[in-house]
Amino acid sequence: MKRIIILALLSITIISCNDNLIGKNYELDYNPNEEINLINKQKSENGYDVISISGHILFYGHSNEYIIVIQKPQDSIYNFKENLNHDQMMKKVFESNFIQFWILEIKKDRLFGPFQKSEYLEKRKELGIPDNLKINYSTKEFYLKDQRNDIQYINPDSDVVDIKNLKGNMSK
């Protein structure tokens, strides 16, 4: 009986983990700091998942070749010397317009960024990323069920986010 329960739990874990795969070994993963990271499921030498892009991923798009990301790095928004409590830090993060862009080349596991918007658009051209690869996924529903109130979710930048075709993320 014990073996059956363990096998059932293991199967559920494996199935639920594969739901959020974004190509090759990459997937979005929630951490306890109200952030959604892009991780590489190939384990590091110490047996842990490798975080490719940390901070909070707001929007992303992907193809077989690339993953493109808009990220809000909390550590770039507030200074630890400000001595803010958790709610004050989150309020500052949610209200900040500061974002960064990343490009991950899947086949070569090469990460480019962080970029400001103009640098990101330039790097897309340099890498030959097709115009039909859009940032068209939102992470607002991912794990947190509307707990994040970032201003970008309310008013995304239509120059880089395909608002008309924006999809939410799968829930766990």
C-alpha atoms as a PDB file:
ATOM      1  CA  MET A   1       0.000   0.000   0.000  1.00  0.00           C
ATOM      2  CA  LYS A   2       2.810   2.395   0.907  1.00  0.00           C
ATOM      3  CA  ARG A   3       4.490   1.780  -2.466  1.00  0.00           C
ATOM      4  CA  ILE A   4       1.275   2.563  -4.334  1.00  0.00           C
ATOM      5  CA  ILE A   5       0.872   5.893  -2.528  1.00  0.00           C
ATOM      6  CA  ILE A   6       4.509   6.837  -3.169  1.00  0.00           C
ATOM      7  CA  LEU A   7       4.202   5.902  -6.869  1.00  0.00           C
ATOM      8  CA  ALA A   8       0.960   7.880  -7.186  1.00  0.00           C
ATOM      9  CA  LEU A   9       2.519  10.983  -5.601  1.00  0.00           C
ATOM     10  CA  LEU A  10       5.613  10.664  -7.793  1.00  0.00           C
ATOM     11  CA  SER A  11       3.439  10.360 -10.936  1.00  0.00           C
ATOM     12  CA  ILE A  12       1.389  13.433  -9.994  1.00  0.00           C
ATOM     13  CA  THR A  13       4.576  15.418  -9.366  1.00  0.00           C
ATOM     14  CA  ILE A  14       6.111  14.407 -12.696  1.00  0.00           C
ATOM     15  CA  ILE A  15       2.915  15.163 -14.635  1.00  0.00           C
ATOM     16  CA  SER A  16       2.361  18.547 -12.965  1.00  0.00           C
ATOM     17  CA  CYS A  17       5.978  19.597 -13.505  1.00  0.00           C
ATOM     18  CA  ASN A  18       5.812  18.924 -17.232  1.00  0.00           C
ATOM     19  CA  ASP A  19       2.738  21.170 -17.619  1.00  0.00           C
ATOM     20  CA  ASN A  20       4.857  24.320 -17.545  1.00  0.00           C
ATOM     21  CA  LEU A  21       7.671  23.221 -19.861  1.00  0.00           C
ATOM     22  CA  ILE A  22       8.538  25.981 -22.326  1.00  0.00           C
ATOM     23  CA  GLY A  23      10.861  24.153 -24.644  1.00  0.00           C
ATOM     24  CA  LYS A  24      13.708  21.731 -24.150  1.00  0.00           C
ATOM     25  CA  ASN A  25      14.327  21.741 -20.405  1.00  0.00           C
ATOM     26  CA  TYR A  26      13.024  25.191 -19.473  1.00  0.00           C
ATOM     27  CA  GLU A  27      10.037  25.940 -17.317  1.00  0.00           C
ATOM     28  CA  LEU A  28       8.577  28.715 -15.193  1.00  0.00           C
ATOM     29  CA  ASP A  29       8.764  28.123 -11.484  1.00  0.00           C
ATOM     30  CA  TYR A  30       7.349  30.075  -8.559  1.00  0.00           C
ATOM     31  CA  ASN A  31       9.510  30.859  -5.553  1.00  0.00           C
ATOM     32  CA  PRO A  32       8.396  31.921  -2.060  1.00  0.00           C
ATOM     33  CA  ASN A  33       9.375  35.564  -2.692  1.00  0.00           C
ATOM     34  CA  GLU A  34       6.391  36.095  -5.009  1.00  0.00           C
ATOM     35  CA  GLU A  35       8.643  35.737  -8.043  1.00  0.00           C
ATOM     36  CA  ILE A  36       8.389  33.594 -11.128  1.00  0.00           C
ATOM     37  CA  ASN A  37      11.759  32.423 -12.451  1.00  0.00           C
ATOM     38  CA  LEU A  38      12.778  30.670 -15.643  1.00  0.00           C
ATOM     39  CA  ILE A  39      14.631  27.534 -14.666  1.00  0.00           C
ATOM     40  CA  ASN A  40      16.554  24.934 -16.594  1.00  0.00           C
ATOM     41  CA  LYS A  41      15.392  21.508 -15.423  1.00  0.00           C
ATOM     42  CA  GLN A  42      18.821  20.017 -16.122  1.00  0.00           C
ATOM     43  CA  LYS A  43      20.259  19.670 -12.663  1.00  0.00           C
ATOM     44  CA  SER A  44      23.397  21.501 -11.622  1.00  0.00           C
ATOM     45  CA  GLU A  45      26.361  19.706 -10.073  1.00  0.00           C
ATOM     46  CA  ASN A  46      24.765  20.021  -6.638  1.00  0.00           C
ATOM     47  CA  GLY A  47      21.473  18.503  -7.842  1.00  0.00           C
ATOM     48  CA  TYR A  48      19.368  21.672  -7.989  1.00  0.00           C
ATOM     49  CA  ASP A  49      17.519  23.228 -10.915  1.00  0.00           C
ATOM     50  CA  VAL A  50      19.520  25.992 -12.578  1.00  0.00           C
ATOM     51  CA  ILE A  51      17.837  29.391 -12.487  1.00  0.00           C
ATOM     52  CA  SER A  52      18.301  30.983 -15.903  1.00  0.00           C
ATOM     53  CA  ILE A  53      16.348  34.193 -15.227  1.00  0.00           C
ATOM     54  CA  SER A  54      15.508  35.157 -11.666  1.00  0.00           C
ATOM     55  CA  GLY A  55      13.380  38.026 -10.450  1.00  0.00           C
ATOM     56  CA  HIS A  56       9.771  38.142 -11.530  1.00  0.00           C
ATOM     57  CA  ILE A  57       8.927  37.223 -15.106  1.00  0.00           C
ATOM     58  CA  LEU A  58       5.921  39.299 -16.137  1.00  0.00           C
ATOM     59  CA  PHE A  59       5.519  38.303 -19.790  1.00  0.00           C
ATOM     60  CA  TYR A  60       7.206  35.881 -22.158  1.00  0.00           C
ATOM     61  CA  GLY A  61       7.059  34.321 -25.582  1.00  0.00           C
ATOM     62  CA  HIS A  62       8.745  31.244 -27.015  1.00  0.00           C
ATOM     63  CA  SER A  63       9.430  29.153 -30.060  1.00  0.00           C
ATOM     64  CA  ASN A  64      11.565  26.054 -30.614  1.00  0.00           C
ATOM     65  CA  GLU A  65      14.606  28.320 -30.866  1.00  0.00           C
ATOM     66  CA  TYR A  66      14.121  31.201 -28.411  1.00  0.00           C
ATOM     67  CA  ILE A  67      12.468  32.237 -25.176  1.00  0.00           C
ATOM     68  CA  ILE A  68      11.956  35.997 -24.838  1.00  0.00           C
ATOM     69  CA  VAL A  69      11.152  37.511 -21.469  1.00  0.00           C
ATOM     70  CA  ILE A  70      10.104  40.729 -19.757  1.00  0.00           C
ATOM     71  CA  GLN A  71      11.358  40.597 -16.180  1.00  0.00           C
ATOM     72  CA  LYS A  72      11.019  42.817 -13.145  1.00  0.00           C
ATOM     73  CA  PRO A  73      14.082  42.384 -10.917  1.00  0.00           C
ATOM     74  CA  GLN A  74      13.062  43.212  -7.368  1.00  0.00           C
ATOM     75  CA  ASP A  75      16.631  43.806  -6.239  1.00  0.00           C
ATOM     76  CA  SER A  76      16.987  46.631  -8.780  1.00  0.00           C
ATOM     77  CA  ILE A  77      13.890  48.455  -7.540  1.00  0.00           C
ATOM     78  CA  TYR A  78      14.499  48.890  -3.845  1.00  0.00           C
ATOM     79  CA  ASN A  79      17.653  49.239  -1.832  1.00  0.00           C
ATOM     80  CA  PHE A  80      18.112  46.973   1.172  1.00  0.00           C
ATOM     81  CA  LYS A  81      19.466  49.972   3.089  1.00  0.00           C
ATOM     82  CA  GLU A  82      15.972  51.538   2.899  1.00  0.00           C
ATOM     83  CA  ASN A  83      14.942  49.242   5.766  1.00  0.00           C
ATOM     84  CA  LEU A  84      11.446  48.597   4.357  1.00  0.00           C
ATOM     85  CA  ASN A  85       9.118  45.902   5.655  1.00  0.00           C
ATOM     86  CA  HIS A  86       7.857  43.252   3.204  1.00  0.00           C
ATOM     87  CA  ASP A  87       4.612  45.066   2.328  1.00  0.00           C
ATOM     88  CA  GLN A  88       6.469  48.336   1.669  1.00  0.00           C
ATOM     89  CA  MET A  89       8.995  46.538  -0.562  1.00  0.00           C
ATOM     90  CA  MET A  90       6.227  44.807  -2.545  1.00  0.00           C
ATOM     91  CA  LYS A  91       4.289  48.052  -2.960  1.00  0.00           C
ATOM     92  CA  LYS A  92       7.416  49.706  -4.342  1.00  0.00           C
ATOM     93  CA  VAL A  93       7.995  46.780  -6.716  1.00  0.00           C
ATOM     94  CA  PHE A  94       4.381  46.620  -7.905  1.00  0.00           C
ATOM     95  CA  GLU A  95       4.302  50.375  -8.619  1.00  0.00           C
ATOM     96  CA  SER A  96       7.666  50.522 -10.350  1.00  0.00           C
ATOM     97  CA  ASN A  97       7.850  50.742 -14.142  1.00  0.00           C
ATOM     98  CA  PHE A  98      11.370  49.306 -14.205  1.00  0.00           C
ATOM     99  CA  ILE A  99      11.644  46.183 -16.373  1.00  0.00           C
ATOM    100  CA  GLN A 100      14.370  44.316 -18.223  1.00  0.00           C
ATOM    101  CA  PHE A 101      14.344  42.091 -21.287  1.00  0.00           C
ATOM    102  CA  TRP A 102      16.073  38.752 -21.827  1.00  0.00           C
ATOM    103  CA  ILE A 103      16.588  36.431 -24.777  1.00  0.00           C
ATOM    104  CA  LEU A 104      17.442  32.762 -24.302  1.00  0.00           C
ATOM    105  CA  GLU A 105      18.709  30.769 -27.274  1.00  0.00           C
ATOM    106  CA  ILE A 106      17.357  27.312 -26.417  1.00  0.00           C
ATOM    107  CA  LYS A 107      19.547  25.000 -28.530  1.00  0.00           C
ATOM    108  CA  LYS A 108      22.809  26.544 -27.339  1.00  0.00           C
ATOM    109  CA  ASP A 109      21.590  27.412 -23.831  1.00  0.00           C
ATOM    110  CA  ARG A 110      22.860  30.977 -24.383  1.00  0.00           C
ATOM    111  CA  LEU A 111      21.327  33.791 -22.391  1.00  0.00           C
ATOM    112  CA  PHE A 112      21.436  37.423 -23.533  1.00  0.00           C
ATOM    113  CA  GLY A 113      20.504  40.314 -21.235  1.00  0.00           C
ATOM    114  CA  PRO A 114      19.457  42.077 -19.219  1.00  0.00           C
ATOM    115  CA  PHE A 115      18.501  44.694 -21.799  1.00  0.00           C
ATOM    116  CA  GLN A 116      16.555  47.892 -21.849  1.00  0.00           C
ATOM    117  CA  LYS A 117      13.832  47.973 -24.515  1.00  0.00           C
ATOM    118  CA  SER A 118      15.940  49.508 -27.314  1.00  0.00           C
ATOM    119  CA  GLU A 119      18.842  47.108 -26.657  1.00  0.00           C
ATOM    120  CA  TYR A 120      16.423  44.182 -26.652  1.00  0.00           C
ATOM    121  CA  LEU A 121      14.925  45.169 -30.013  1.00  0.00           C
ATOM    122  CA  GLU A 122      18.428  45.607 -31.440  1.00  0.00           C
ATOM    123  CA  LYS A 123      19.555  42.183 -30.158  1.00  0.00           C
ATOM    124  CA  ARG A 124      16.465  40.546 -31.660  1.00  0.00           C
ATOM    125  CA  LYS A 125      17.483  41.894 -35.066  1.00  0.00           C
ATOM    126  CA  GLU A 126      21.109  40.863 -34.583  1.00  0.00           C
ATOM    127  CA  LEU A 127      20.094  37.281 -33.704  1.00  0.00           C
ATOM    128  CA  GLY A 128      17.572  37.152 -36.547  1.00  0.00           C
ATOM    129  CA  ILE A 129      14.604  36.443 -34.295  1.00  0.00           C
ATOM    130  CA  PRO A 130      11.546  36.425 -36.562  1.00  0.00           C
ATOM    131  CA  ASP A 131       8.933  39.145 -36.119  1.00  0.00           C
ATOM    132  CA  ASN A 132       6.245  36.502 -35.616  1.00  0.00           C
ATOM    133  CA  LEU A 133       7.839  35.482 -32.291  1.00  0.00           C
ATOM    134  CA  LYS A 134       5.893  37.676 -29.906  1.00  0.00           C
ATOM    135  CA  ILE A 135       5.787  38.199 -26.180  1.00  0.00           C
ATOM    136  CA  ASN A 136       2.273  36.870 -25.842  1.00  0.00           C
ATOM    137  CA  TYR A 137       2.057  35.106 -22.466  1.00  0.00           C
ATOM    138  CA  SER A 138       1.288  36.770 -19.154  1.00  0.00           C
ATOM    139  CA  THR A 139       2.267  35.242 -15.838  1.00  0.00           C
ATOM    140  CA  LYS A 140      -0.371  37.093 -13.839  1.00  0.00           C
ATOM    141  CA  GLU A 141      -2.383  33.928 -13.180  1.00  0.00           C
ATOM    142  CA  PHE A 142       0.682  31.718 -12.686  1.00  0.00           C
ATOM    143  CA  TYR A 143       0.521  30.133  -9.217  1.00  0.00           C
ATOM    144  CA  LEU A 144      -0.328  33.356  -7.414  1.00  0.00           C
ATOM    145  CA  LYS A 145      -3.929  33.912  -8.493  1.00  0.00           C
ATOM    146  CA  ASP A 146      -3.811  37.721  -8.782  1.00  0.00           C
ATOM    147  CA  GLN A 147      -1.600  38.350  -5.752  1.00  0.00           C
ATOM    148  CA  ARG A 148       0.813  40.366  -7.883  1.00  0.00           C
ATOM    149  CA  ASN A 149      -0.444  43.827  -8.732  1.00  0.00           C
ATOM    150  CA  ASP A 150       2.433  45.066 -10.900  1.00  0.00           C
ATOM    151  CA  ILE A 151       1.475  48.083 -12.950  1.00  0.00           C
ATOM    152  CA  GLN A 152       2.746  46.333 -16.102  1.00  0.00           C
ATOM    153  CA  TYR A 153      -0.032  43.747 -15.840  1.00  0.00           C
ATOM    154  CA  ILE A 154      -2.583  46.550 -15.960  1.00  0.00           C
ATOM    155  CA  ASN A 155      -0.950  48.519 -18.771  1.00  0.00           C
ATOM    156  CA  PRO A 156       1.580  46.410 -20.735  1.00  0.00           C
ATOM    157  CA  ASP A 157       3.863  48.047 -23.318  1.00  0.00           C
ATOM    158  CA  SER A 158       2.116  47.356 -26.632  1.00  0.00           C
ATOM    159  CA  ASP A 159       5.387  47.871 -28.540  1.00  0.00           C
ATOM    160  CA  VAL A 160       6.751  44.607 -27.147  1.00  0.00           C
ATOM    161  CA  VAL A 161       3.743  42.721 -25.749  1.00  0.00           C
ATOM    162  CA  ASP A 162       1.209  41.260 -28.179  1.00  0.00           C
ATOM    163  CA  ILE A 163      -1.741  42.489 -26.103  1.00  0.00           C
ATOM    164  CA  LYS A 164      -4.364  41.406 -28.631  1.00  0.00           C
ATOM    165  CA  ASN A 165      -3.215  37.765 -28.455  1.00  0.00           C
ATOM    166  CA  LEU A 166      -2.061  37.708 -24.829  1.00  0.00           C
ATOM    167  CA  LYS A 167      -2.584  34.364 -23.119  1.00  0.00           C
ATOM    168  CA  GLY A 168      -2.497  33.562 -19.435  1.00  0.00           C
ATOM    169  CA  ASN A 169      -0.315  30.829 -18.087  1.00  0.00           C
ATOM    170  CA  MET A 170      -1.306  27.354 -17.036  1.00  0.00           C
ATOM    171  CA  SER A 171      -2.206  26.873 -13.403  1.00  0.00           C
ATOM    172  CA  LYS A 172      -0.808  24.156 -11.207  1.00  0.00           C
END
